[in-house]
PDB file of N, CA and C in Angstrom:
ATOM      1  N   MET A   1       0.858  -1.173   0.000  1.00  0.00           N
ATOM      2  CA  MET A   1       0.000   0.000   0.000  1.00  0.00           C
ATOM      3  C   MET A   1       0.895   1.225   0.000  1.00  0.00           C
ATOM      4  N   VAL A   2       0.483   2.240  -0.740  1.00  0.00           N
ATOM      5  CA  VAL A   2       1.225   3.486  -0.859  1.00  0.00           C
ATOM      6  C   VAL A   2       0.310   4.632  -0.450  1.00  0.00           C
ATOM      7  N   ASN A   3       0.841   5.558   0.291  1.00  0.00           N
ATOM      8  CA  ASN A   3       0.088   6.754   0.656  1.00  0.00           C
ATOM      9  C   ASN A   3       0.518   7.897  -0.246  1.00  0.00           C
ATOM     10  N   VAL A   4      -0.473   8.616  -0.763  1.00  0.00           N
ATOM     11  CA  VAL A   4      -0.208   9.746  -1.652  1.00  0.00           C
ATOM     12  C   VAL A   4      -0.942  10.954  -1.095  1.00  0.00           C
ATOM     13  N   GLU A   5      -0.227  12.055  -0.965  1.00  0.00           N
ATOM     14  CA  GLU A   5      -0.864  13.289  -0.507  1.00  0.00           C
ATOM     15  C   GLU A   5      -1.449  14.027  -1.696  1.00  0.00           C
ATOM     16  N   ILE A   6      -2.697  14.467  -1.522  1.00  0.00           N
ATOM     17  CA  ILE A   6      -3.357  15.261  -2.553  1.00  0.00           C
ATOM     18  C   ILE A   6      -3.955  16.490  -1.884  1.00  0.00           C
ATOM     19  N   PRO A   7      -4.163  17.550  -2.641  1.00  0.00           N
ATOM     20  CA  PRO A   7      -4.754  18.762  -2.061  1.00  0.00           C
ATOM     21  C   PRO A   7      -6.132  18.477  -1.464  1.00  0.00           C
ATOM     22  N   ASP A   8      -6.445  19.174  -0.399  1.00  0.00           N
ATOM     23  CA  ASP A   8      -7.726  18.984   0.297  1.00  0.00           C
ATOM     24  C   ASP A   8      -8.915  19.181  -0.637  1.00  0.00           C
ATOM     25  N   ALA A   9      -8.865  20.202  -1.485  1.00  0.00           N
ATOM     26  CA  ALA A   9      -9.985  20.466  -2.390  1.00  0.00           C
ATOM     27  C   ALA A   9     -10.216  19.279  -3.329  1.00  0.00           C
ATOM     28  N   LEU A  10      -9.142  18.690  -3.812  1.00  0.00           N
ATOM     29  CA  LEU A  10      -9.262  17.524  -4.688  1.00  0.00           C
ATOM     30  C   LEU A  10      -9.824  16.337  -3.911  1.00  0.00           C
ATOM     31  N   ALA A  11      -9.341  16.127  -2.705  1.00  0.00           N
ATOM     32  CA  ALA A  11      -9.838  15.025  -1.874  1.00  0.00           C
ATOM     33  C   ALA A  11     -11.331  15.177  -1.610  1.00  0.00           C
ATOM     34  N   GLN A  12     -11.773  16.400  -1.346  1.00  0.00           N
ATOM     35  CA  GLN A  12     -13.189  16.638  -1.086  1.00  0.00           C
ATOM     36  C   GLN A  12     -14.035  16.345  -2.327  1.00  0.00           C
ATOM     37  N   GLU A  13     -13.531  16.747  -3.480  1.00  0.00           N
ATOM     38  CA  GLU A  13     -14.279  16.512  -4.720  1.00  0.00           C
ATOM     39  C   GLU A  13     -14.340  15.017  -5.028  1.00  0.00           C
ATOM     40  N   ILE A  14     -13.229  14.326  -4.855  1.00  0.00           N
ATOM     41  CA  ILE A  14     -13.217  12.879  -5.079  1.00  0.00           C
ATOM     42  C   ILE A  14     -14.167  12.192  -4.102  1.00  0.00           C
ATOM     43  N   ASP A  15     -14.156  12.633  -2.850  1.00  0.00           N
ATOM     44  CA  ASP A  15     -15.039  12.055  -1.847  1.00  0.00           C
ATOM     45  C   ASP A  15     -16.505  12.259  -2.234  1.00  0.00           C
ATOM     46  N   ARG A  16     -16.828  13.437  -2.739  1.00  0.00           N
ATOM     47  CA  ARG A  16     -18.192  13.733  -3.174  1.00  0.00           C
ATOM     48  C   ARG A  16     -18.607  12.803  -4.320  1.00  0.00           C
ATOM     49  N   LEU A  17     -17.711  12.631  -5.282  1.00  0.00           N
ATOM     50  CA  LEU A  17     -18.007  11.751  -6.420  1.00  0.00           C
ATOM     51  C   LEU A  17     -18.129  10.292  -5.985  1.00  0.00           C
ATOM     52  N   ALA A  18     -17.251   9.869  -5.081  1.00  0.00           N
ATOM     53  CA  ALA A  18     -17.293   8.493  -4.588  1.00  0.00           C
ATOM     54  C   ALA A  18     -18.613   8.221  -3.883  1.00  0.00           C
ATOM     55  N   GLU A  19     -19.033   9.159  -3.056  1.00  0.00           N
ATOM     56  CA  GLU A  19     -20.306   8.997  -2.342  1.00  0.00           C
ATOM     57  C   GLU A  19     -21.478   8.915  -3.319  1.00  0.00           C
ATOM     58  N   ALA A  20     -21.421   9.712  -4.377  1.00  0.00           N
ATOM     59  CA  ALA A  20     -22.499   9.698  -5.373  1.00  0.00           C
ATOM     60  C   ALA A  20     -22.614   8.330  -6.051  1.00  0.00           C
ATOM     61  N   GLU A  21     -21.504   7.609  -6.111  1.00  0.00           N
ATOM     62  CA  GLU A  21     -21.519   6.274  -6.715  1.00  0.00           C
ATOM     63  C   GLU A  21     -21.550   5.176  -5.660  1.00  0.00           C
ATOM     64  N   HIS A  22     -21.759   5.571  -4.415  1.00  0.00           N
ATOM     65  CA  HIS A  22     -21.855   4.629  -3.288  1.00  0.00           C
ATOM     66  C   HIS A  22     -20.605   3.753  -3.179  1.00  0.00           C
ATOM     67  N   LYS A  23     -19.459   4.398  -3.302  1.00  0.00           N
ATOM     68  CA  LYS A  23     -18.184   3.690  -3.204  1.00  0.00           C
ATOM     69  C   LYS A  23     -17.338   4.330  -2.114  1.00  0.00           C
ATOM     70  N   GLN A  24     -16.487   3.524  -1.532  1.00  0.00           N
ATOM     71  CA  GLN A  24     -15.555   4.047  -0.550  1.00  0.00           C
ATOM     72  C   GLN A  24     -14.466   4.830  -1.272  1.00  0.00           C
ATOM     73  N   PHE A  25     -13.962   5.838  -0.600  1.00  0.00           N
ATOM     74  CA  PHE A  25     -12.958   6.729  -1.182  1.00  0.00           C
ATOM     75  C   PHE A  25     -11.783   5.967  -1.799  1.00  0.00           C
ATOM     76  N   PRO A  26     -11.121   5.045  -1.061  1.00  0.00           N
ATOM     77  CA  PRO A  26      -9.951   4.381  -1.650  1.00  0.00           C
ATOM     78  C   PRO A  26     -10.300   3.502  -2.850  1.00  0.00           C
ATOM     79  N   VAL A  27     -11.474   2.889  -2.828  1.00  0.00           N
ATOM     80  CA  VAL A  27     -11.908   2.060  -3.960  1.00  0.00           C
ATOM     81  C   VAL A  27     -12.121   2.944  -5.180  1.00  0.00           C
ATOM     82  N   TYR A  28     -12.779   4.071  -4.980  1.00  0.00           N
ATOM     83  CA  TYR A  28     -13.053   4.995  -6.079  1.00  0.00           C
ATOM     84  C   TYR A  28     -11.749   5.542  -6.675  1.00  0.00           C
ATOM     85  N   VAL A  29     -10.823   5.920  -5.812  1.00  0.00           N
ATOM     86  CA  VAL A  29      -9.541   6.450  -6.293  1.00  0.00           C
ATOM     87  C   VAL A  29      -8.785   5.388  -7.074  1.00  0.00           C
ATOM     88  N   ALA A  30      -8.782   4.163  -6.579  1.00  0.00           N
ATOM     89  CA  ALA A  30      -8.091   3.080  -7.295  1.00  0.00           C
ATOM     90  C   ALA A  30      -8.712   2.859  -8.676  1.00  0.00           C
ATOM     91  N   GLU A  31     -10.042   2.903  -8.752  1.00  0.00           N
ATOM     92  CA  GLU A  31     -10.712   2.749 -10.048  1.00  0.00           C
ATOM     93  C   GLU A  31     -10.332   3.873 -11.006  1.00  0.00           C
ATOM     94  N   LEU A  32     -10.295   5.097 -10.495  1.00  0.00           N
ATOM     95  CA  LEU A  32      -9.896   6.231 -11.335  1.00  0.00           C
ATOM     96  C   LEU A  32      -8.483   6.049 -11.867  1.00  0.00           C
ATOM     97  N   LEU A  33      -7.596   5.633 -10.996  1.00  0.00           N
ATOM     98  CA  LEU A  33      -6.205   5.441 -11.409  1.00  0.00           C
ATOM     99  C   LEU A  33      -6.082   4.330 -12.443  1.00  0.00           C
ATOM    100  N   TRP A  34      -6.788   3.213 -12.230  1.00  0.00           N
ATOM    101  CA  TRP A  34      -6.743   2.127 -13.213  1.00  0.00           C
ATOM    102  C   TRP A  34      -7.297   2.580 -14.556  1.00  0.00           C
ATOM    103  N   GLN A  35      -8.375   3.345 -14.551  1.00  0.00           N
ATOM    104  CA  GLN A  35      -8.934   3.848 -15.808  1.00  0.00           C
ATOM    105  C   GLN A  35      -7.902   4.678 -16.558  1.00  0.00           C
ATOM    106  N   ASP A  36      -7.201   5.534 -15.826  1.00  0.00           N
ATOM    107  CA  ASP A  36      -6.204   6.379 -16.471  1.00  0.00           C
ATOM    108  C   ASP A  36      -5.025   5.556 -16.971  1.00  0.00           C
ATOM    109  N   VAL A  37      -4.591   4.589 -16.186  1.00  0.00           N
ATOM    110  CA  VAL A  37      -3.476   3.726 -16.615  1.00  0.00           C
ATOM    111  C   VAL A  37      -3.858   2.983 -17.886  1.00  0.00           C
ATOM    112  N   LYS A  38      -5.054   2.406 -17.928  1.00  0.00           N
ATOM    113  CA  LYS A  38      -5.495   1.667 -19.119  1.00  0.00           C
ATOM    114  C   LYS A  38      -5.603   2.578 -20.335  1.00  0.00           C
ATOM    115  N   ARG A  39      -6.124   3.787 -20.134  1.00  0.00           N
ATOM    116  CA  ARG A  39      -6.227   4.745 -21.244  1.00  0.00           C
ATOM    117  C   ARG A  39      -4.854   5.096 -21.784  1.00  0.00           C
ATOM    118  N   ARG A  40      -3.909   5.319 -20.886  1.00  0.00           N
ATOM    119  CA  ARG A  40      -2.546   5.650 -21.319  1.00  0.00           C
ATOM    120  C   ARG A  40      -1.867   4.471 -22.003  1.00  0.00           C
ATOM    121  N   GLN A  41      -2.119   3.253 -21.518  1.00  0.00           N
ATOM    122  CA  GLN A  41      -1.557   2.062 -22.166  1.00  0.00           C
ATOM    123  C   GLN A  41      -2.121   1.904 -23.565  1.00  0.00           C
ATOM    124  N   GLN A  42      -3.414   2.137 -23.706  1.00  0.00           N
ATOM    125  CA  GLN A  42      -4.037   2.027 -25.029  1.00  0.00           C
ATOM    126  C   GLN A  42      -3.469   3.084 -25.976  1.00  0.00           C
ATOM    127  N   ARG A  43      -3.317   4.297 -25.489  1.00  0.00           N
ATOM    128  CA  ARG A  43      -2.742   5.356 -26.314  1.00  0.00           C
ATOM    129  C   ARG A  43      -1.327   4.986 -26.756  1.00  0.00           C
ATOM    130  N   GLN A  44      -0.528   4.441 -25.848  1.00  0.00           N
ATOM    131  CA  GLN A  44       0.845   4.041 -26.178  1.00  0.00           C
ATOM    132  C   GLN A  44       0.840   2.910 -27.211  1.00  0.00           C
ATOM    133  N   ALA A  45      -0.057   1.953 -27.054  1.00  0.00           N
ATOM    134  CA  ALA A  45      -0.146   0.854 -28.016  1.00  0.00           C
ATOM    135  C   ALA A  45      -0.520   1.375 -29.400  1.00  0.00           C
ATOM    136  N   LEU A  46      -1.427   2.333 -29.449  1.00  0.00           N
ATOM    137  CA  LEU A  46      -1.813   2.920 -30.738  1.00  0.00           C
ATOM    138  C   LEU A  46      -0.645   3.664 -31.371  1.00  0.00           C
ATOM    139  N   LEU A  47       0.113   4.381 -30.558  1.00  0.00           N
ATOM    140  CA  LEU A  47       1.285   5.084 -31.082  1.00  0.00           C
ATOM    141  C   LEU A  47       2.319   4.098 -31.615  1.00  0.00           C
ATOM    142  N   GLU A  48       2.524   3.008 -30.903  1.00  0.00           N
ATOM    143  CA  GLU A  48       3.510   2.011 -31.329  1.00  0.00           C
ATOM    144  C   GLU A  48       3.049   1.260 -32.576  1.00  0.00           C
ATOM    145  N   ALA A  49       1.732   1.128 -32.761  1.00  0.00           N
ATOM    146  CA  ALA A  49       1.197   0.402 -33.912  1.00  0.00           C
ATOM    147  C   ALA A  49       1.065   1.296 -35.143  1.00  0.00           C
ATOM    148  N   ASN A  50       1.337   2.573 -35.002  1.00  0.00           N
ATOM    149  CA  ASN A  50       1.199   3.503 -36.111  1.00  0.00           C
ATOM    150  C   ASN A  50       2.010   3.027 -37.314  1.00  0.00           C
ATOM    151  N   GLY A  51       1.335   2.903 -38.457  1.00  0.00           N
ATOM    152  CA  GLY A  51       2.000   2.477 -39.679  1.00  0.00           C
ATOM    153  C   GLY A  51       1.960   0.977 -39.903  1.00  0.00           C
ATOM    154  N   ALA A  52       1.471   0.210 -38.936  1.00  0.00           N
ATOM    155  CA  ALA A  52       1.415  -1.239 -39.084  1.00  0.00           C
ATOM    156  C   ALA A  52       0.321  -1.672 -40.049  1.00  0.00           C
ATOM    157  N   TRP A  53      -0.689  -0.849 -40.220  1.00  0.00           N
ATOM    158  CA  TRP A  53      -1.816  -1.158 -41.095  1.00  0.00           C
ATOM    159  C   TRP A  53      -1.602  -0.434 -42.416  1.00  0.00           C
ATOM    160  N   LEU A  54      -1.426  -1.184 -43.471  1.00  0.00           N
ATOM    161  CA  LEU A  54      -1.180  -0.592 -44.784  1.00  0.00           C
ATOM    162  C   LEU A  54      -2.435  -0.711 -45.651  1.00  0.00           C
ATOM    163  N   ALA A  55      -2.824   0.389 -46.257  1.00  0.00           N
ATOM    164  CA  ALA A  55      -4.040   0.417 -47.070  1.00  0.00           C
ATOM    165  C   ALA A  55      -3.979  -0.591 -48.210  1.00  0.00           C
ATOM    166  N   GLU A  56      -2.816  -0.768 -48.805  1.00  0.00           N
ATOM    167  CA  GLU A  56      -2.722  -1.703 -49.937  1.00  0.00           C
ATOM    168  C   GLU A  56      -2.942  -3.159 -49.512  1.00  0.00           C
ATOM    169  N   ASP A  57      -2.801  -3.444 -48.228  1.00  0.00           N
ATOM    170  CA  ASP A  57      -3.064  -4.798 -47.730  1.00  0.00           C
ATOM    171  C   ASP A  57      -4.552  -5.040 -47.475  1.00  0.00           C
ATOM    172  N   HIS A  58      -5.349  -3.983 -47.522  1.00  0.00           N
ATOM    173  CA  HIS A  58      -6.773  -4.097 -47.208  1.00  0.00           C
ATOM    174  C   HIS A  58      -7.619  -3.307 -48.202  1.00  0.00           C
ATOM    175  N   PRO A  59      -7.651  -3.752 -49.460  1.00  0.00           N
ATOM    176  CA  PRO A  59      -8.424  -3.022 -50.471  1.00  0.00           C
ATOM    177  C   PRO A  59      -9.916  -3.009 -50.181  1.00  0.00           C
ATOM    178  N   GLU A  60     -10.392  -3.969 -49.389  1.00  0.00           N
ATOM    179  CA  GLU A  60     -11.825  -4.003 -49.066  1.00  0.00           C
ATOM    180  C   GLU A  60     -12.259  -2.789 -48.262  1.00  0.00           C
ATOM    181  N   LEU A  61     -11.306  -2.067 -47.697  1.00  0.00           N
ATOM    182  CA  LEU A  61     -11.632  -0.890 -46.893  1.00  0.00           C
ATOM    183  C   LEU A  61     -11.381   0.422 -47.636  1.00  0.00           C
ATOM    184  N   ALA A  62     -11.222   0.345 -48.961  1.00  0.00           N
ATOM    185  CA  ALA A  62     -10.926   1.545 -49.750  1.00  0.00           C
ATOM    186  C   ALA A  62     -11.998   2.619 -49.608  1.00  0.00           C
ATOM    187  N   ASP A  63     -13.243   2.193 -49.415  1.00  0.00           N
ATOM    188  CA  ASP A  63     -14.338   3.158 -49.259  1.00  0.00           C
ATOM    189  C   ASP A  63     -14.600   3.506 -47.792  1.00  0.00           C
ATOM    190  N   GLY A  64     -13.759   3.013 -46.911  1.00  0.00           N
ATOM    191  CA  GLY A  64     -13.915   3.279 -45.486  1.00  0.00           C
ATOM    192  C   GLY A  64     -14.487   2.082 -44.741  1.00  0.00           C
ATOM    193  N   GLY A  65     -14.200   2.039 -43.466  1.00  0.00           N
ATOM    194  CA  GLY A  65     -14.638   0.926 -42.634  1.00  0.00           C
ATOM    195  C   GLY A  65     -16.147   0.819 -42.517  1.00  0.00           C
ATOM    196  N   ALA A  66     -16.824   1.963 -42.417  1.00  0.00           N
ATOM    197  CA  ALA A  66     -18.286   1.944 -42.271  1.00  0.00           C
ATOM    198  C   ALA A  66     -18.944   1.364 -43.519  1.00  0.00           C
ATOM    199  N   ALA A  67     -18.435   1.719 -44.693  1.00  0.00           N
ATOM    200  CA  ALA A  67     -18.996   1.195 -45.942  1.00  0.00           C
ATOM    201  C   ALA A  67     -18.772  -0.313 -46.032  1.00  0.00           C
ATOM    202  N   TYR A  68     -17.605  -0.773 -45.593  1.00  0.00           N
ATOM    203  CA  TYR A  68     -17.310  -2.205 -45.609  1.00  0.00           C
ATOM    204  C   TYR A  68     -18.258  -2.957 -44.679  1.00  0.00           C
ATOM    205  N   VAL A  69     -18.456  -2.451 -43.478  1.00  0.00           N
ATOM    206  CA  VAL A  69     -19.348  -3.107 -42.520  1.00  0.00           C
ATOM    207  C   VAL A  69     -20.766  -3.138 -43.069  1.00  0.00           C
ATOM    208  N   GLU A  70     -21.219  -2.050 -43.642  1.00  0.00           N
ATOM    209  CA  GLU A  70     -22.567  -2.006 -44.217  1.00  0.00           C
ATOM    210  C   GLU A  70     -22.700  -3.016 -45.351  1.00  0.00           C
ATOM    211  N   ARG A  71     -21.664  -3.136 -46.162  1.00  0.00           N
ATOM    212  CA  ARG A  71     -21.693  -4.085 -47.283  1.00  0.00           C
ATOM    213  C   ARG A  71     -21.791  -5.521 -46.776  1.00  0.00           C
ATOM    214  N   ILE A  72     -20.987  -5.890 -45.783  1.00  0.00           N
ATOM    215  CA  ILE A  72     -21.041  -7.272 -45.317  1.00  0.00           C
ATOM    216  C   ILE A  72     -22.319  -7.547 -44.528  1.00  0.00           C
ATOM    217  N   ARG A  73     -22.877  -6.533 -43.893  1.00  0.00           N
ATOM    218  CA  ARG A  73     -24.148  -6.719 -43.182  1.00  0.00           C
ATOM    219  C   ARG A  73     -25.301  -6.931 -44.152  1.00  0.00           C
ATOM    220  N   SER A  74     -25.201  -6.357 -45.341  1.00  0.00           N
ATOM    221  CA  SER A  74     -26.295  -6.472 -46.305  1.00  0.00           C
ATOM    222  C   SER A  74     -26.203  -7.758 -47.122  1.00  0.00           C
ATOM    223  N   GLU A  75     -25.091  -8.474 -47.038  1.00  0.00           N
ATOM    224  CA  GLU A  75     -24.943  -9.736 -47.762  1.00  0.00           C
ATOM    225  C   GLU A  75     -25.726 -10.823 -47.037  1.00  0.00           C
ATOM    226  N   PRO A  76     -26.272 -11.770 -47.787  1.00  0.00           N
ATOM    227  CA  PRO A  76     -26.980 -12.862 -47.125  1.00  0.00           C
ATOM    228  C   PRO A  76     -26.006 -13.694 -46.283  1.00  0.00           C
ATOM    229  N   ASP A  77     -26.482 -14.165 -45.189  1.00  0.00           N
ATOM    230  CA  ASP A  77     -25.656 -14.980 -44.309  1.00  0.00           C
ATOM    231  C   ASP A  77     -26.020 -16.443 -44.539  1.00  0.00           C
ATOM    232  N   GLU A  78     -25.220 -17.123 -45.353  1.00  0.00           N
ATOM    233  CA  GLU A  78     -25.519 -18.504 -45.724  1.00  0.00           C
ATOM    234  C   GLU A  78     -25.582 -19.409 -44.495  1.00  0.00           C
ATOM    235  N   ARG A  79     -24.725 -19.148 -43.507  1.00  0.00           N
ATOM    236  CA  ARG A  79     -24.744 -19.988 -42.306  1.00  0.00           C
ATOM    237  C   ARG A  79     -26.074 -19.856 -41.586  1.00  0.00           C
ATOM    238  N   PHE A  80     -26.589 -18.649 -41.499  1.00  0.00           N
ATOM    239  CA  PHE A  80     -27.866 -18.409 -40.843  1.00  0.00           C
ATOM    240  C   PHE A  80     -28.995 -19.058 -41.633  1.00  0.00           C
ATOM    241  N   ASP A  81     -28.955 -18.864 -42.949  1.00  0.00           N
ATOM    242  CA  ASP A  81     -29.985 -19.451 -43.798  1.00  0.00           C
ATOM    243  C   ASP A  81     -29.983 -20.970 -43.692  1.00  0.00           C
ATOM    244  N   GLU A  82     -28.825 -21.582 -43.670  1.00  0.00           N
ATOM    245  CA  GLU A  82     -28.709 -23.041 -43.558  1.00  0.00           C
ATOM    246  C   GLU A  82     -29.251 -23.514 -42.213  1.00  0.00           C
ATOM    247  N   ALA A  83     -28.958 -22.778 -41.157  1.00  0.00           N
ATOM    248  CA  ALA A  83     -29.458 -23.146 -39.833  1.00  0.00           C
ATOM    249  C   ALA A  83     -30.972 -23.101 -39.812  1.00  0.00           C
ATOM    250  N   ILE A  84     -31.559 -22.131 -40.449  1.00  0.00           N
ATOM    251  CA  ILE A  84     -33.017 -22.035 -40.516  1.00  0.00           C
ATOM    252  C   ILE A  84     -33.580 -23.199 -41.300  1.00  0.00           C
ATOM    253  N   ARG A  85     -32.976 -23.506 -42.447  1.00  0.00           N
ATOM    254  CA  ARG A  85     -33.466 -24.629 -43.279  1.00  0.00           C
ATOM    255  C   ARG A  85     -33.374 -25.954 -42.531  1.00  0.00           C
ATOM    256  N   SER A  86     -32.289 -26.173 -41.816  1.00  0.00           N
ATOM    257  CA  SER A  86     -32.096 -27.458 -41.143  1.00  0.00           C
ATOM    258  C   SER A  86     -33.034 -27.635 -39.956  1.00  0.00           C
ATOM    259  N   ASN A  87     -33.559 -26.563 -39.430  1.00  0.00           N
ATOM    260  CA  ASN A  87     -34.465 -26.665 -38.286  1.00  0.00           C
ATOM    261  C   ASN A  87     -35.941 -26.561 -38.667  1.00  0.00           C
ATOM    262  N   GLN A  88     -36.232 -26.429 -39.955  1.00  0.00           N
ATOM    263  CA  GLN A  88     -37.628 -26.315 -40.361  1.00  0.00           C
ATOM    264  C   GLN A  88     -38.301 -27.692 -40.347  1.00  0.00           C
ATOM    265  N   LEU A  89     -39.579 -27.664 -40.053  1.00  0.00           N
ATOM    266  CA  LEU A  89     -40.336 -28.904 -40.062  1.00  0.00           C
ATOM    267  C   LEU A  89     -40.653 -29.295 -41.500  1.00  0.00           C
ATOM    268  N   PRO A  90     -40.666 -30.592 -41.781  1.00  0.00           N
ATOM    269  CA  PRO A  90     -40.981 -31.039 -43.167  1.00  0.00           C
ATOM    270  C   PRO A  90     -42.392 -30.722 -43.575  1.00  0.00           C
TER     271      PRO A  90
END
């Protein structure tokens, strides 16, 4: 366990927020810190992955990711159709 000194005004505000969520002060602070650590880790991973995705390797996304998702959603799903056929009564 580590003790960290924070300004009184900040402690009061954190305490107010913790109470609003029915959480104990140390639990709430730990959750806040973990959220920030995870956000920073994700940001670092994105920075490190920069350039790993090459457009020429993914021509299906030339019109953008949203257009690709819409296109595949509008295609018939043969697996779903087959499941329906196999479960139908004769």
